[in-house]
Amino acid sequence: MDVMVEWDESATDARSFARVSSVASPQTLEAPTRELVTLYGAPTPESLALALAAAVEARRAGEGTLLAGGDLHLTETDGAVGDAAWHDRHTGEIIRRELAIPLTVLRETAAELLAEGGQSIRRLLAGLLMPDWPEGTRRTLTLQLAVAGGASAADTLAAQREADAENFVDED
């Protein structure tokens, strides 16, 4: 799963600390969407992990094939609430529905993400918060998560680490 993380110092909705949406990605036909996670205010590793957890859970709810147009707002009281759209793998139809992911589910998935990939999450957040970004530049960085439909976040990050390790195998 391709995730672009963006930091916006000013929130559009005072209650939201993050927003997760799906946008079209022209890079590959095999993975036609990218999740855009926008953090508002003063982000922390925990708030970033919660937003990433919302992206993972939204993808699971849509059976791994979210379309552009999904939009979730995250709050400390309601969890992730919004709408989602995806292709049904069996019929090919576009299915749209309202989606609500409870905060307890998000916290559990975020805890798994932090336990397995906390260093990467903190590094990404540090990059976003660096003071030397050129003025007027949109603060965005990308992250790759290998998310399977029913796999836990720990399984997902373990698979990603294994895949990364294979990229550095010496072939002498």
N, C-alpha and C. Protein backbone atom coordinates (compact mmCIF):
# COMPACT_ATOMS: atom_id res chain seq x y z
N MET A 1 0.86 -1.17 0.00
CA MET A 1 0.00 0.00 0.00
C MET A 1 0.90 1.23 0.00
N ASP A 2 0.66 2.10 -0.94
CA ASP A 2 1.42 3.32 -1.08
C ASP A 2 0.71 4.42 -0.30
N VAL A 3 1.42 5.02 0.67
CA VAL A 3 0.83 6.06 1.51
C VAL A 3 1.66 7.32 1.38
N MET A 4 0.99 8.41 1.09
CA MET A 4 1.64 9.72 1.10
C MET A 4 1.18 10.42 2.37
N VAL A 5 2.14 10.85 3.17
CA VAL A 5 1.83 11.52 4.44
C VAL A 5 2.14 13.00 4.27
N GLU A 6 1.16 13.81 4.61
CA GLU A 6 1.27 15.26 4.45
C GLU A 6 1.00 15.93 5.80
N TRP A 7 1.69 17.02 6.07
CA TRP A 7 1.45 17.76 7.31
C TRP A 7 0.91 19.13 6.97
N ASP A 8 -0.25 19.45 7.55
CA ASP A 8 -0.88 20.75 7.38
C ASP A 8 -1.00 21.34 8.78
N GLU A 9 -0.30 22.42 9.04
CA GLU A 9 -0.28 23.00 10.38
C GLU A 9 -1.64 23.53 10.82
N SER A 10 -2.53 23.82 9.88
CA SER A 10 -3.84 24.35 10.25
C SER A 10 -4.92 23.34 9.89
N ALA A 11 -5.74 23.00 10.84
CA ALA A 11 -6.82 22.04 10.62
C ALA A 11 -8.00 22.70 9.92
N THR A 12 -8.61 21.98 8.97
CA THR A 12 -9.81 22.50 8.32
C THR A 12 -11.04 22.27 9.20
N ASP A 13 -10.98 21.25 10.03
CA ASP A 13 -12.05 20.94 10.98
C ASP A 13 -11.39 20.88 12.35
N ALA A 14 -11.83 21.73 13.26
CA ALA A 14 -11.18 21.83 14.57
C ALA A 14 -11.18 20.51 15.33
N ARG A 15 -12.14 19.62 15.06
CA ARG A 15 -12.21 18.35 15.77
C ARG A 15 -11.26 17.30 15.20
N SER A 16 -10.94 17.37 13.93
CA SER A 16 -10.11 16.36 13.28
C SER A 16 -8.64 16.59 13.55
N PHE A 17 -7.90 15.49 13.83
CA PHE A 17 -6.46 15.60 13.93
C PHE A 17 -5.79 15.01 12.69
N ALA A 18 -6.59 14.33 11.84
CA ALA A 18 -6.05 13.77 10.60
C ALA A 18 -7.18 13.46 9.64
N ARG A 19 -6.78 13.27 8.40
CA ARG A 19 -7.73 12.89 7.34
C ARG A 19 -7.03 11.84 6.48
N VAL A 20 -7.79 10.84 6.07
CA VAL A 20 -7.27 9.80 5.19
C VAL A 20 -8.16 9.76 3.96
N SER A 21 -7.55 9.87 2.79
CA SER A 21 -8.32 9.79 1.55
C SER A 21 -7.56 8.96 0.54
N SER A 22 -8.29 8.46 -0.42
CA SER A 22 -7.70 7.69 -1.51
C SER A 22 -7.66 8.57 -2.74
N VAL A 23 -6.52 8.59 -3.39
CA VAL A 23 -6.37 9.38 -4.61
C VAL A 23 -5.79 8.50 -5.70
N ALA A 24 -6.06 8.86 -6.92
CA ALA A 24 -5.54 8.09 -8.05
C ALA A 24 -4.02 8.23 -8.10
N SER A 25 -3.34 7.13 -8.37
CA SER A 25 -1.89 7.13 -8.51
C SER A 25 -1.54 6.68 -9.92
N PRO A 26 -0.99 7.54 -10.73
CA PRO A 26 -0.69 7.18 -12.12
C PRO A 26 0.55 6.31 -12.28
N GLN A 27 1.25 6.00 -11.19
CA GLN A 27 2.52 5.29 -11.29
C GLN A 27 2.39 3.85 -11.75
N THR A 28 1.34 3.17 -11.33
CA THR A 28 1.24 1.76 -11.67
C THR A 28 -0.21 1.35 -11.83
N LEU A 29 -0.45 0.45 -12.74
CA LEU A 29 -1.81 -0.05 -12.94
C LEU A 29 -2.14 -1.15 -11.95
N GLU A 30 -1.11 -1.78 -11.35
CA GLU A 30 -1.36 -2.86 -10.40
C GLU A 30 -1.90 -2.34 -9.08
N ALA A 31 -1.52 -1.14 -8.69
CA ALA A 31 -2.01 -0.53 -7.46
C ALA A 31 -2.52 0.87 -7.82
N PRO A 32 -3.75 0.95 -8.31
CA PRO A 32 -4.22 2.21 -8.89
C PRO A 32 -4.57 3.31 -7.89
N THR A 33 -4.45 3.07 -6.58
CA THR A 33 -4.74 4.14 -5.64
C THR A 33 -3.61 4.33 -4.66
N ARG A 34 -3.56 5.51 -4.12
CA ARG A 34 -2.60 5.87 -3.08
C ARG A 34 -3.41 6.45 -1.94
N GLU A 35 -3.03 6.08 -0.74
CA GLU A 35 -3.69 6.66 0.42
C GLU A 35 -2.96 7.95 0.78
N LEU A 36 -3.71 9.01 0.98
CA LEU A 36 -3.17 10.29 1.39
C LEU A 36 -3.57 10.52 2.83
N VAL A 37 -2.58 10.57 3.71
CA VAL A 37 -2.82 10.83 5.13
C VAL A 37 -2.38 12.27 5.38
N THR A 38 -3.32 13.10 5.82
CA THR A 38 -3.02 14.49 6.15
C THR A 38 -3.12 14.66 7.65
N LEU A 39 -2.03 15.11 8.26
CA LEU A 39 -1.99 15.35 9.71
C LEU A 39 -2.18 16.84 9.95
N TYR A 40 -2.98 17.17 10.95
CA TYR A 40 -3.25 18.57 11.27
C TYR A 40 -2.64 18.93 12.62
N GLY A 41 -2.32 20.20 12.78
CA GLY A 41 -1.83 20.68 14.07
C GLY A 41 -0.42 20.21 14.35
N ALA A 42 -0.20 19.75 15.59
CA ALA A 42 1.11 19.27 16.03
C ALA A 42 1.08 17.75 16.11
N PRO A 43 1.52 17.07 15.05
CA PRO A 43 1.43 15.61 15.01
C PRO A 43 2.44 14.95 15.95
N THR A 44 2.08 13.74 16.38
CA THR A 44 2.94 12.90 17.21
C THR A 44 3.08 11.56 16.52
N PRO A 45 4.03 10.74 16.93
CA PRO A 45 4.10 9.39 16.35
C PRO A 45 2.80 8.62 16.56
N GLU A 46 2.15 8.83 17.68
CA GLU A 46 0.89 8.13 17.97
C GLU A 46 -0.22 8.60 17.04
N SER A 47 -0.31 9.91 16.78
CA SER A 47 -1.37 10.40 15.88
C SER A 47 -1.11 9.93 14.45
N LEU A 48 0.17 9.88 14.04
CA LEU A 48 0.50 9.36 12.72
C LEU A 48 0.16 7.88 12.64
N ALA A 49 0.47 7.13 13.69
CA ALA A 49 0.15 5.70 13.70
C ALA A 49 -1.36 5.48 13.64
N LEU A 50 -2.14 6.31 14.33
CA LEU A 50 -3.60 6.20 14.26
C LEU A 50 -4.10 6.48 12.85
N ALA A 51 -3.53 7.48 12.19
CA ALA A 51 -3.94 7.80 10.82
C ALA A 51 -3.55 6.67 9.86
N LEU A 52 -2.36 6.10 10.03
CA LEU A 52 -1.96 4.96 9.21
C LEU A 52 -2.85 3.77 9.47
N ALA A 53 -3.24 3.58 10.74
CA ALA A 53 -4.15 2.49 11.10
C ALA A 53 -5.49 2.67 10.40
N ALA A 54 -5.97 3.92 10.30
CA ALA A 54 -7.23 4.18 9.60
C ALA A 54 -7.11 3.81 8.12
N ALA A 55 -5.96 4.10 7.51
CA ALA A 55 -5.75 3.74 6.11
C ALA A 55 -5.74 2.22 5.95
N VAL A 56 -5.08 1.53 6.86
CA VAL A 56 -5.02 0.06 6.81
C VAL A 56 -6.41 -0.54 7.00
N GLU A 57 -7.14 -0.07 8.00
CA GLU A 57 -8.47 -0.61 8.28
C GLU A 57 -9.47 -0.28 7.17
N ALA A 58 -9.35 0.90 6.58
CA ALA A 58 -10.23 1.25 5.45
C ALA A 58 -9.96 0.32 4.28
N ARG A 59 -8.69 0.02 4.05
CA ARG A 59 -8.33 -0.89 2.96
C ARG A 59 -8.90 -2.28 3.23
N ARG A 60 -8.83 -2.73 4.47
CA ARG A 60 -9.39 -4.04 4.83
C ARG A 60 -10.91 -4.06 4.64
N ALA A 61 -11.56 -2.98 5.02
CA ALA A 61 -13.02 -2.91 4.89
C ALA A 61 -13.43 -2.97 3.43
N GLY A 62 -12.59 -2.42 2.55
CA GLY A 62 -12.87 -2.42 1.12
C GLY A 62 -12.26 -3.59 0.40
N GLU A 63 -11.88 -4.61 1.14
CA GLU A 63 -11.30 -5.83 0.57
C GLU A 63 -10.07 -5.53 -0.28
N GLY A 64 -9.30 -4.51 0.14
CA GLY A 64 -8.02 -4.25 -0.51
C GLY A 64 -8.06 -3.47 -1.80
N THR A 65 -9.24 -3.00 -2.23
CA THR A 65 -9.31 -2.32 -3.52
C THR A 65 -10.06 -1.00 -3.40
N LEU A 66 -9.55 -0.09 -2.58
CA LEU A 66 -10.19 1.21 -2.45
C LEU A 66 -10.02 2.01 -3.73
N LEU A 67 -10.99 2.84 -4.02
CA LEU A 67 -10.94 3.71 -5.19
C LEU A 67 -10.70 5.14 -4.74
N ALA A 68 -10.30 5.97 -5.69
CA ALA A 68 -10.20 7.39 -5.40
C ALA A 68 -11.55 7.89 -4.93
N GLY A 69 -11.55 8.73 -3.94
CA GLY A 69 -12.81 9.29 -3.46
C GLY A 69 -13.13 8.91 -2.04
N GLY A 70 -12.50 7.88 -1.49
CA GLY A 70 -12.71 7.55 -0.09
C GLY A 70 -12.18 8.68 0.77
N ASP A 71 -12.87 8.99 1.86
CA ASP A 71 -12.48 10.12 2.68
C ASP A 71 -12.89 9.87 4.12
N LEU A 72 -11.92 9.78 5.03
CA LEU A 72 -12.18 9.56 6.45
C LEU A 72 -11.59 10.70 7.27
N HIS A 73 -12.33 11.16 8.26
CA HIS A 73 -11.84 12.16 9.20
C HIS A 73 -11.63 11.47 10.54
N LEU A 74 -10.49 11.73 11.18
CA LEU A 74 -10.16 11.10 12.45
C LEU A 74 -10.29 12.10 13.58
N THR A 75 -11.00 11.68 14.63
CA THR A 75 -11.12 12.50 15.83
C THR A 75 -10.81 11.63 17.04
N GLU A 76 -10.46 12.28 18.14
CA GLU A 76 -10.15 11.55 19.38
C GLU A 76 -11.40 10.94 20.02
N THR A 77 -12.57 11.37 19.61
CA THR A 77 -13.80 10.83 20.21
C THR A 77 -14.50 9.81 19.33
N ASP A 78 -14.49 10.02 18.01
CA ASP A 78 -15.27 9.17 17.12
C ASP A 78 -14.46 8.12 16.35
N GLY A 79 -13.14 8.22 16.37
CA GLY A 79 -12.34 7.33 15.54
C GLY A 79 -12.31 7.87 14.12
N ALA A 80 -12.41 6.98 13.14
CA ALA A 80 -12.40 7.38 11.73
C ALA A 80 -13.80 7.26 11.16
N VAL A 81 -14.32 8.35 10.62
CA VAL A 81 -15.67 8.39 10.07
C VAL A 81 -15.63 9.05 8.70
N GLY A 82 -16.33 8.44 7.75
CA GLY A 82 -16.38 9.01 6.41
C GLY A 82 -17.02 8.06 5.44
N ASP A 83 -16.57 8.11 4.19
CA ASP A 83 -17.13 7.22 3.18
C ASP A 83 -15.99 6.50 2.46
N ALA A 84 -16.35 5.39 1.84
CA ALA A 84 -15.37 4.59 1.10
C ALA A 84 -16.03 4.07 -0.17
N ALA A 85 -15.21 3.79 -1.16
CA ALA A 85 -15.69 3.19 -2.41
C ALA A 85 -14.65 2.18 -2.87
N TRP A 86 -15.11 1.07 -3.41
CA TRP A 86 -14.21 0.05 -3.92
C TRP A 86 -14.90 -0.80 -4.97
N HIS A 87 -14.08 -1.51 -5.75
CA HIS A 87 -14.61 -2.46 -6.74
C HIS A 87 -14.87 -3.78 -6.04
N ASP A 88 -16.04 -4.33 -6.25
CA ASP A 88 -16.33 -5.69 -5.78
C ASP A 88 -15.56 -6.64 -6.69
N ARG A 89 -14.75 -7.49 -6.10
CA ARG A 89 -13.90 -8.38 -6.91
C ARG A 89 -14.69 -9.42 -7.69
N HIS A 90 -15.88 -9.75 -7.22
CA HIS A 90 -16.66 -10.79 -7.88
C HIS A 90 -17.56 -10.24 -8.99
N THR A 91 -18.19 -9.09 -8.74
CA THR A 91 -19.14 -8.55 -9.72
C THR A 91 -18.56 -7.41 -10.55
N GLY A 92 -17.48 -6.78 -10.06
CA GLY A 92 -16.90 -5.65 -10.77
C GLY A 92 -17.63 -4.35 -10.50
N GLU A 93 -18.67 -4.39 -9.69
CA GLU A 93 -19.44 -3.18 -9.38
C GLU A 93 -18.67 -2.28 -8.42
N ILE A 94 -18.96 -0.99 -8.51
CA ILE A 94 -18.40 -0.04 -7.55
C ILE A 94 -19.35 0.01 -6.36
N ILE A 95 -18.82 -0.23 -5.19
CA ILE A 95 -19.63 -0.22 -3.96
C ILE A 95 -19.21 1.00 -3.15
N ARG A 96 -20.20 1.76 -2.74
CA ARG A 96 -19.95 2.94 -1.90
C ARG A 96 -20.75 2.77 -0.61
N ARG A 97 -20.09 3.13 0.48
CA ARG A 97 -20.80 3.09 1.75
C ARG A 97 -20.11 3.98 2.77
N GLU A 98 -20.88 4.33 3.78
CA GLU A 98 -20.33 5.09 4.89
C GLU A 98 -19.49 4.13 5.72
N LEU A 99 -18.41 4.63 6.25
CA LEU A 99 -17.49 3.80 6.99
C LEU A 99 -17.19 4.47 8.33
N ALA A 100 -17.28 3.70 9.40
CA ALA A 100 -16.93 4.18 10.73
C ALA A 100 -16.04 3.13 11.38
N ILE A 101 -14.83 3.52 11.70
CA ILE A 101 -13.89 2.62 12.35
C ILE A 101 -13.72 3.11 13.77
N PRO A 102 -14.11 2.29 14.75
CA PRO A 102 -14.05 2.72 16.15
C PRO A 102 -12.61 3.01 16.59
N LEU A 103 -12.49 3.92 17.53
CA LEU A 103 -11.20 4.32 18.05
C LEU A 103 -10.46 3.13 18.68
N THR A 104 -11.19 2.20 19.28
CA THR A 104 -10.54 1.03 19.88
C THR A 104 -9.82 0.18 18.83
N VAL A 105 -10.44 0.00 17.67
CA VAL A 105 -9.83 -0.75 16.58
C VAL A 105 -8.61 0.00 16.06
N LEU A 106 -8.74 1.31 15.90
CA LEU A 106 -7.62 2.12 15.42
C LEU A 106 -6.44 2.07 16.39
N ARG A 107 -6.73 2.15 17.69
CA ARG A 107 -5.66 2.11 18.68
C ARG A 107 -4.93 0.76 18.67
N GLU A 108 -5.69 -0.32 18.50
CA GLU A 108 -5.08 -1.65 18.45
C GLU A 108 -4.16 -1.78 17.23
N THR A 109 -4.64 -1.38 16.08
CA THR A 109 -3.83 -1.44 14.86
C THR A 109 -2.64 -0.49 14.95
N ALA A 110 -2.86 0.71 15.50
CA ALA A 110 -1.77 1.68 15.65
C ALA A 110 -0.69 1.14 16.60
N ALA A 111 -1.11 0.47 17.66
CA ALA A 111 -0.14 -0.11 18.59
C ALA A 111 0.71 -1.17 17.89
N GLU A 112 0.09 -1.97 17.04
CA GLU A 112 0.84 -2.97 16.27
C GLU A 112 1.82 -2.29 15.31
N LEU A 113 1.35 -1.23 14.65
CA LEU A 113 2.23 -0.50 13.73
C LEU A 113 3.42 0.11 14.46
N LEU A 114 3.17 0.69 15.64
CA LEU A 114 4.25 1.29 16.41
C LEU A 114 5.20 0.24 16.96
N ALA A 115 4.66 -0.91 17.37
CA ALA A 115 5.51 -1.97 17.90
C ALA A 115 6.44 -2.52 16.83
N GLU A 116 5.94 -2.67 15.63
CA GLU A 116 6.73 -3.28 14.56
C GLU A 116 7.50 -2.27 13.72
N GLY A 117 6.96 -1.07 13.56
CA GLY A 117 7.60 -0.10 12.67
C GLY A 117 7.70 1.28 13.28
N GLY A 118 7.80 1.34 14.59
CA GLY A 118 7.83 2.63 15.27
C GLY A 118 8.98 3.52 14.83
N GLN A 119 10.14 2.91 14.59
CA GLN A 119 11.29 3.69 14.17
C GLN A 119 11.04 4.35 12.81
N SER A 120 10.44 3.62 11.89
CA SER A 120 10.13 4.18 10.57
C SER A 120 9.09 5.29 10.68
N ILE A 121 8.10 5.08 11.52
CA ILE A 121 7.05 6.09 11.72
C ILE A 121 7.65 7.35 12.32
N ARG A 122 8.50 7.19 13.33
CA ARG A 122 9.13 8.36 13.96
C ARG A 122 10.06 9.08 12.98
N ARG A 123 10.78 8.32 12.17
CA ARG A 123 11.69 8.91 11.18
C ARG A 123 10.90 9.71 10.14
N LEU A 124 9.79 9.17 9.68
CA LEU A 124 8.95 9.87 8.71
C LEU A 124 8.41 11.16 9.31
N LEU A 125 7.94 11.08 10.56
CA LEU A 125 7.41 12.27 11.22
C LEU A 125 8.50 13.31 11.43
N ALA A 126 9.70 12.88 11.81
CA ALA A 126 10.80 13.82 11.98
C ALA A 126 11.11 14.53 10.66
N GLY A 127 11.04 13.79 9.56
CA GLY A 127 11.26 14.40 8.26
C GLY A 127 10.21 15.46 7.93
N LEU A 128 8.97 15.18 8.28
CA LEU A 128 7.90 16.16 8.03
C LEU A 128 8.07 17.41 8.88
N LEU A 129 8.56 17.23 10.11
CA LEU A 129 8.65 18.35 11.04
C LEU A 129 9.97 19.12 10.97
N MET A 130 10.88 18.70 10.09
CA MET A 130 12.16 19.40 9.95
C MET A 130 11.91 20.88 9.64
N PRO A 131 12.63 21.76 10.31
CA PRO A 131 12.38 23.19 10.11
C PRO A 131 12.92 23.75 8.80
N ASP A 132 13.77 23.03 8.09
CA ASP A 132 14.41 23.61 6.92
C ASP A 132 13.72 23.30 5.59
N TRP A 133 12.41 23.01 5.62
CA TRP A 133 11.66 22.87 4.37
C TRP A 133 11.55 24.26 3.75
N PRO A 134 11.69 24.39 2.45
CA PRO A 134 11.54 25.70 1.81
C PRO A 134 10.13 26.26 2.07
N GLU A 135 10.08 27.56 2.28
CA GLU A 135 8.79 28.19 2.57
C GLU A 135 7.83 27.99 1.42
N GLY A 136 6.59 27.65 1.74
CA GLY A 136 5.56 27.43 0.74
C GLY A 136 5.55 26.02 0.16
N THR A 137 6.51 25.20 0.56
CA THR A 137 6.58 23.82 0.07
C THR A 137 5.56 22.97 0.81
N ARG A 138 4.91 22.12 0.07
CA ARG A 138 3.97 21.18 0.67
C ARG A 138 4.78 20.08 1.33
N ARG A 139 4.61 19.90 2.64
CA ARG A 139 5.37 18.90 3.38
C ARG A 139 4.74 17.53 3.21
N THR A 140 5.29 16.73 2.30
CA THR A 140 4.79 15.39 2.06
C THR A 140 5.95 14.42 1.92
N LEU A 141 5.76 13.22 2.45
CA LEU A 141 6.70 12.12 2.30
C LEU A 141 5.89 10.86 2.03
N THR A 142 6.50 9.88 1.39
CA THR A 142 5.78 8.65 1.10
C THR A 142 6.28 7.50 1.96
N LEU A 143 5.41 6.51 2.09
CA LEU A 143 5.68 5.32 2.88
C LEU A 143 5.04 4.14 2.17
N GLN A 144 5.71 3.02 2.14
CA GLN A 144 5.17 1.80 1.56
C GLN A 144 4.79 0.84 2.67
N LEU A 145 3.55 0.38 2.68
CA LEU A 145 3.11 -0.65 3.61
C LEU A 145 2.58 -1.82 2.79
N ALA A 146 3.02 -3.01 3.12
CA ALA A 146 2.51 -4.21 2.44
C ALA A 146 1.34 -4.72 3.25
N VAL A 147 0.12 -4.42 2.81
CA VAL A 147 -1.08 -4.77 3.57
C VAL A 147 -1.87 -5.83 2.84
N ALA A 148 -2.06 -6.95 3.53
CA ALA A 148 -2.91 -8.02 2.99
C ALA A 148 -4.29 -7.87 3.60
N GLY A 149 -5.28 -8.40 2.93
CA GLY A 149 -6.67 -8.25 3.37
C GLY A 149 -6.93 -8.58 4.82
N GLY A 150 -6.53 -9.73 5.30
CA GLY A 150 -6.83 -10.10 6.67
C GLY A 150 -5.63 -10.12 7.57
N ALA A 151 -4.46 -9.74 7.07
CA ALA A 151 -3.25 -9.80 7.87
C ALA A 151 -3.24 -8.71 8.92
N SER A 152 -2.63 -9.01 10.04
CA SER A 152 -2.50 -8.00 11.08
C SER A 152 -1.41 -7.02 10.67
N ALA A 153 -1.37 -5.89 11.35
CA ALA A 153 -0.34 -4.90 11.05
C ALA A 153 1.04 -5.47 11.32
N ALA A 154 1.17 -6.29 12.37
CA ALA A 154 2.47 -6.91 12.68
C ALA A 154 2.90 -7.83 11.53
N ASP A 155 1.99 -8.64 11.00
CA ASP A 155 2.31 -9.51 9.87
C ASP A 155 2.70 -8.67 8.66
N THR A 156 1.99 -7.58 8.45
CA THR A 156 2.24 -6.69 7.32
C THR A 156 3.64 -6.11 7.39
N LEU A 157 4.02 -5.56 8.55
CA LEU A 157 5.33 -4.96 8.68
C LEU A 157 6.44 -6.00 8.64
N ALA A 158 6.19 -7.19 9.19
CA ALA A 158 7.18 -8.26 9.12
C ALA A 158 7.43 -8.67 7.66
N ALA A 159 6.37 -8.77 6.89
CA ALA A 159 6.50 -9.11 5.48
C ALA A 159 7.26 -8.02 4.73
N GLN A 160 7.01 -6.77 5.09
CA GLN A 160 7.70 -5.66 4.44
C GLN A 160 9.19 -5.70 4.77
N ARG A 161 9.54 -5.95 6.05
CA ARG A 161 10.95 -6.04 6.43
C ARG A 161 11.64 -7.17 5.69
N GLU A 162 10.95 -8.32 5.57
CA GLU A 162 11.52 -9.46 4.86
C GLU A 162 11.76 -9.13 3.39
N ALA A 163 10.80 -8.44 2.78
CA ALA A 163 10.95 -8.05 1.38
C ALA A 163 12.10 -7.06 1.22
N ASP A 164 12.23 -6.12 2.16
CA ASP A 164 13.33 -5.17 2.11
C ASP A 164 14.67 -5.89 2.25
N ALA A 165 14.75 -6.87 3.13
CA ALA A 165 15.99 -7.62 3.33
C ALA A 165 16.39 -8.34 2.06
N GLU A 166 15.43 -8.87 1.32
CA GLU A 166 15.73 -9.57 0.08
C GLU A 166 16.31 -8.64 -0.97
N ASN A 167 15.98 -7.35 -0.90
CA ASN A 167 16.52 -6.38 -1.84
C ASN A 167 18.00 -6.12 -1.62
N PHE A 168 18.51 -6.46 -0.42
CA PHE A 168 19.90 -6.19 -0.10
C PHE A 168 20.75 -7.45 -0.04
N VAL A 169 20.28 -8.54 -0.60
CA VAL A 169 21.04 -9.79 -0.62
C VAL A 169 22.20 -9.65 -1.60
N ASP A 170 23.39 -10.02 -1.13
CA ASP A 170 24.57 -9.98 -1.97
C ASP A 170 24.57 -11.18 -2.89
N GLU A 171 24.64 -10.96 -4.19
CA GLU A 171 24.52 -12.04 -5.16
C GLU A 171 25.88 -12.48 -5.70
N ASP A 172 26.93 -12.38 -4.91
CA ASP A 172 28.27 -12.81 -5.38
C ASP A 172 28.39 -14.29 -5.43
